[in-house]
Amino acid sequence: FSMIIIWSKDNCPNCEKAIQLAKRYDIMHEVRKIGHGWTKDQLLEYIPTARSVPQIIDSNTNAVIGGLHNFQEYLTSDQRS
């Protein structure tokens, strides 16, 4: 993928871990922080089933990767192109 979107919020340790993973793997990313120009409703428009953050999306395909643990699995699997 060329870029991911990380939905996050303030005081979210797993959100910070997801952002650090994206940096470590040199993945271009956009952080959409709820309460900083983005709303929970906007997150739910993208991912109606979201119940927590971070929520990570492959912006190329709009495929939902999921939360931090899903992202960690995604990075270490063969799903990356």
N, C-alpha and C. Protein backbone atom coordinates (compact mmCIF):
# COMPACT_ATOMS: atom_id res chain seq x y z
N PHE A 1 0.84 -1.19 0.00
CA PHE A 1 0.00 0.00 0.00
C PHE A 1 0.87 1.23 0.00
N SER A 2 0.32 2.31 -0.47
CA SER A 2 1.11 3.52 -0.55
C SER A 2 0.93 4.39 0.68
N MET A 3 -0.25 4.31 1.29
CA MET A 3 -0.50 5.16 2.45
C MET A 3 -1.60 4.56 3.30
N ILE A 4 -1.50 4.80 4.61
CA ILE A 4 -2.55 4.38 5.52
C ILE A 4 -3.11 5.60 6.24
N ILE A 5 -4.32 5.43 6.74
CA ILE A 5 -4.95 6.44 7.57
C ILE A 5 -5.07 5.84 8.97
N ILE A 6 -4.61 6.57 9.96
CA ILE A 6 -4.72 6.12 11.35
C ILE A 6 -5.68 7.05 12.07
N TRP A 7 -6.84 6.53 12.44
CA TRP A 7 -7.78 7.29 13.26
C TRP A 7 -7.34 7.15 14.70
N SER A 8 -7.23 8.27 15.40
CA SER A 8 -6.72 8.24 16.77
C SER A 8 -7.44 9.28 17.62
N LYS A 9 -7.02 9.37 18.86
CA LYS A 9 -7.53 10.41 19.76
C LYS A 9 -6.44 10.71 20.78
N ASP A 10 -6.64 11.78 21.54
CA ASP A 10 -5.67 12.15 22.58
C ASP A 10 -5.60 11.07 23.66
N ASN A 11 -4.45 10.98 24.30
CA ASN A 11 -4.24 10.07 25.43
C ASN A 11 -4.58 8.63 25.09
N CYS A 12 -4.12 8.19 23.92
CA CYS A 12 -4.39 6.83 23.46
C CYS A 12 -3.05 6.14 23.20
N PRO A 13 -2.56 5.36 24.16
CA PRO A 13 -1.25 4.70 23.97
C PRO A 13 -1.18 3.82 22.73
N ASN A 14 -2.25 3.09 22.42
CA ASN A 14 -2.23 2.23 21.24
C ASN A 14 -2.20 3.03 19.95
N CYS A 15 -2.82 4.22 19.98
CA CYS A 15 -2.75 5.10 18.80
C CYS A 15 -1.30 5.52 18.56
N GLU A 16 -0.62 5.90 19.63
CA GLU A 16 0.78 6.31 19.50
C GLU A 16 1.64 5.14 19.01
N LYS A 17 1.37 3.94 19.51
CA LYS A 17 2.13 2.76 19.06
C LYS A 17 1.91 2.52 17.57
N ALA A 18 0.67 2.68 17.11
CA ALA A 18 0.37 2.48 15.69
C ALA A 18 1.13 3.50 14.83
N ILE A 19 1.15 4.75 15.29
CA ILE A 19 1.87 5.80 14.55
C ILE A 19 3.37 5.49 14.52
N GLN A 20 3.91 5.04 15.65
CA GLN A 20 5.33 4.69 15.70
C GLN A 20 5.65 3.50 14.79
N LEU A 21 4.75 2.52 14.72
CA LEU A 21 4.95 1.38 13.82
C LEU A 21 4.98 1.85 12.37
N ALA A 22 4.06 2.74 12.01
CA ALA A 22 4.04 3.25 10.64
C ALA A 22 5.37 3.93 10.31
N LYS A 23 5.88 4.70 11.27
CA LYS A 23 7.16 5.38 11.05
C LYS A 23 8.30 4.37 10.95
N ARG A 24 8.29 3.36 11.83
CA ARG A 24 9.36 2.36 11.84
C ARG A 24 9.41 1.58 10.53
N TYR A 25 8.23 1.27 9.99
CA TYR A 25 8.16 0.53 8.73
C TYR A 25 8.19 1.46 7.52
N ASP A 26 8.39 2.76 7.77
CA ASP A 26 8.50 3.76 6.71
C ASP A 26 7.26 3.76 5.81
N ILE A 27 6.09 3.73 6.46
CA ILE A 27 4.83 3.75 5.74
C ILE A 27 4.26 5.16 5.80
N MET A 28 3.95 5.70 4.63
CA MET A 28 3.31 7.01 4.62
C MET A 28 1.97 6.89 5.33
N HIS A 29 1.66 7.88 6.16
CA HIS A 29 0.42 7.80 6.92
C HIS A 29 -0.14 9.18 7.21
N GLU A 30 -1.45 9.19 7.34
CA GLU A 30 -2.16 10.39 7.74
C GLU A 30 -2.83 10.06 9.07
N VAL A 31 -2.63 10.91 10.06
CA VAL A 31 -3.28 10.72 11.35
C VAL A 31 -4.53 11.60 11.38
N ARG A 32 -5.66 10.98 11.64
CA ARG A 32 -6.92 11.72 11.79
C ARG A 32 -7.31 11.62 13.26
N LYS A 33 -7.03 12.69 13.99
CA LYS A 33 -7.25 12.68 15.43
C LYS A 33 -8.62 13.26 15.76
N ILE A 34 -9.44 12.44 16.40
CA ILE A 34 -10.79 12.87 16.79
C ILE A 34 -10.65 14.03 17.79
N GLY A 35 -11.40 15.10 17.52
CA GLY A 35 -11.32 16.29 18.36
C GLY A 35 -10.33 17.32 17.84
N HIS A 36 -9.60 16.94 16.78
CA HIS A 36 -8.63 17.85 16.14
C HIS A 36 -8.93 17.90 14.65
N GLY A 37 -10.10 18.42 14.33
CA GLY A 37 -10.50 18.54 12.92
C GLY A 37 -11.27 17.34 12.40
N TRP A 38 -11.39 16.31 13.21
CA TRP A 38 -12.13 15.10 12.84
C TRP A 38 -13.08 14.75 13.97
N THR A 39 -14.21 14.12 13.61
CA THR A 39 -15.19 13.75 14.63
C THR A 39 -15.38 12.24 14.67
N LYS A 40 -15.95 11.79 15.78
CA LYS A 40 -16.28 10.36 15.90
C LYS A 40 -17.27 9.96 14.81
N ASP A 41 -18.19 10.87 14.48
CA ASP A 41 -19.16 10.57 13.42
C ASP A 41 -18.46 10.34 12.08
N GLN A 42 -17.42 11.11 11.80
CA GLN A 42 -16.67 10.91 10.54
C GLN A 42 -15.98 9.55 10.55
N LEU A 43 -15.42 9.16 11.69
CA LEU A 43 -14.82 7.83 11.79
C LEU A 43 -15.87 6.76 11.50
N LEU A 44 -17.05 6.92 12.09
CA LEU A 44 -18.10 5.92 11.91
C LEU A 44 -18.65 5.90 10.48
N GLU A 45 -18.50 7.01 9.74
CA GLU A 45 -18.86 7.00 8.33
C GLU A 45 -17.93 6.06 7.56
N TYR A 46 -16.65 6.09 7.92
CA TYR A 46 -15.66 5.22 7.27
C TYR A 46 -15.76 3.79 7.77
N ILE A 47 -15.91 3.64 9.08
CA ILE A 47 -15.92 2.31 9.70
C ILE A 47 -17.11 2.23 10.66
N PRO A 48 -18.27 1.86 10.15
CA PRO A 48 -19.48 1.86 10.99
C PRO A 48 -19.36 0.96 12.23
N THR A 49 -18.51 -0.04 12.17
CA THR A 49 -18.38 -0.98 13.29
C THR A 49 -17.32 -0.57 14.30
N ALA A 50 -16.65 0.56 14.08
CA ALA A 50 -15.56 0.98 14.97
C ALA A 50 -16.09 1.22 16.38
N ARG A 51 -15.42 0.61 17.37
CA ARG A 51 -15.79 0.81 18.76
C ARG A 51 -14.61 1.33 19.58
N SER A 52 -13.46 1.46 18.93
CA SER A 52 -12.27 1.94 19.63
C SER A 52 -11.30 2.52 18.60
N VAL A 53 -10.30 3.17 19.09
CA VAL A 53 -9.20 3.64 18.24
C VAL A 53 -7.92 3.05 18.81
N PRO A 54 -6.88 2.90 18.02
CA PRO A 54 -6.80 3.33 16.63
C PRO A 54 -7.60 2.43 15.69
N GLN A 55 -7.99 3.02 14.59
CA GLN A 55 -8.55 2.28 13.46
C GLN A 55 -7.67 2.63 12.27
N ILE A 56 -7.18 1.61 11.59
CA ILE A 56 -6.22 1.83 10.51
C ILE A 56 -6.83 1.36 9.19
N ILE A 57 -6.70 2.22 8.19
CA ILE A 57 -7.28 1.96 6.87
C ILE A 57 -6.17 2.06 5.82
N ASP A 58 -6.17 1.13 4.87
CA ASP A 58 -5.31 1.22 3.70
C ASP A 58 -5.98 2.21 2.76
N SER A 59 -5.41 3.39 2.61
CA SER A 59 -6.10 4.44 1.85
C SER A 59 -6.12 4.15 0.35
N ASN A 60 -5.30 3.25 -0.12
CA ASN A 60 -5.32 2.85 -1.53
C ASN A 60 -6.60 2.12 -1.88
N THR A 61 -6.97 1.17 -1.02
CA THR A 61 -8.11 0.30 -1.31
C THR A 61 -9.30 0.59 -0.41
N ASN A 62 -9.11 1.48 0.59
CA ASN A 62 -10.12 1.75 1.62
C ASN A 62 -10.42 0.51 2.45
N ALA A 63 -9.53 -0.48 2.41
CA ALA A 63 -9.71 -1.68 3.22
C ALA A 63 -9.39 -1.36 4.67
N VAL A 64 -10.23 -1.82 5.56
CA VAL A 64 -10.01 -1.61 6.98
C VAL A 64 -9.02 -2.67 7.48
N ILE A 65 -7.89 -2.20 7.99
CA ILE A 65 -6.91 -3.11 8.57
C ILE A 65 -7.35 -3.46 9.99
N GLY A 66 -7.84 -2.47 10.72
CA GLY A 66 -8.33 -2.71 12.07
C GLY A 66 -7.56 -1.92 13.11
N GLY A 67 -7.47 -2.47 14.31
CA GLY A 67 -6.80 -1.81 15.42
C GLY A 67 -5.32 -2.12 15.45
N LEU A 68 -4.69 -1.79 16.57
CA LEU A 68 -3.24 -1.95 16.70
C LEU A 68 -2.80 -3.39 16.48
N HIS A 69 -3.47 -4.34 17.12
CA HIS A 69 -3.03 -5.74 16.99
C HIS A 69 -3.20 -6.24 15.56
N ASN A 70 -4.29 -5.82 14.90
CA ASN A 70 -4.49 -6.19 13.49
C ASN A 70 -3.37 -5.60 12.64
N PHE A 71 -2.99 -4.36 12.94
CA PHE A 71 -1.93 -3.68 12.19
C PHE A 71 -0.60 -4.40 12.38
N GLN A 72 -0.30 -4.80 13.62
CA GLN A 72 0.94 -5.53 13.89
C GLN A 72 0.97 -6.83 13.10
N GLU A 73 -0.15 -7.55 13.08
CA GLU A 73 -0.22 -8.80 12.32
C GLU A 73 -0.07 -8.52 10.83
N TYR A 74 -0.71 -7.47 10.37
CA TYR A 74 -0.67 -7.09 8.96
C TYR A 74 0.77 -6.80 8.52
N LEU A 75 1.51 -6.10 9.37
CA LEU A 75 2.89 -5.73 9.02
C LEU A 75 3.81 -6.93 8.97
N THR A 76 3.53 -7.95 9.75
CA THR A 76 4.43 -9.11 9.81
C THR A 76 3.94 -10.26 8.94
N SER A 77 2.81 -10.05 8.23
CA SER A 77 2.28 -11.10 7.36
C SER A 77 2.73 -10.84 5.93
N ASP A 78 2.25 -11.66 5.05
CA ASP A 78 2.57 -11.50 3.62
C ASP A 78 1.55 -10.64 2.89
N GLN A 79 0.65 -9.98 3.65
CA GLN A 79 -0.40 -9.19 3.00
C GLN A 79 0.13 -7.88 2.42
N ARG A 80 1.30 -7.45 2.89
CA ARG A 80 1.84 -6.18 2.39
C ARG A 80 2.31 -6.37 0.96
N SER A 81 2.05 -5.37 0.14
CA SER A 81 2.50 -5.46 -1.25
C SER A 81 3.64 -4.51 -1.49
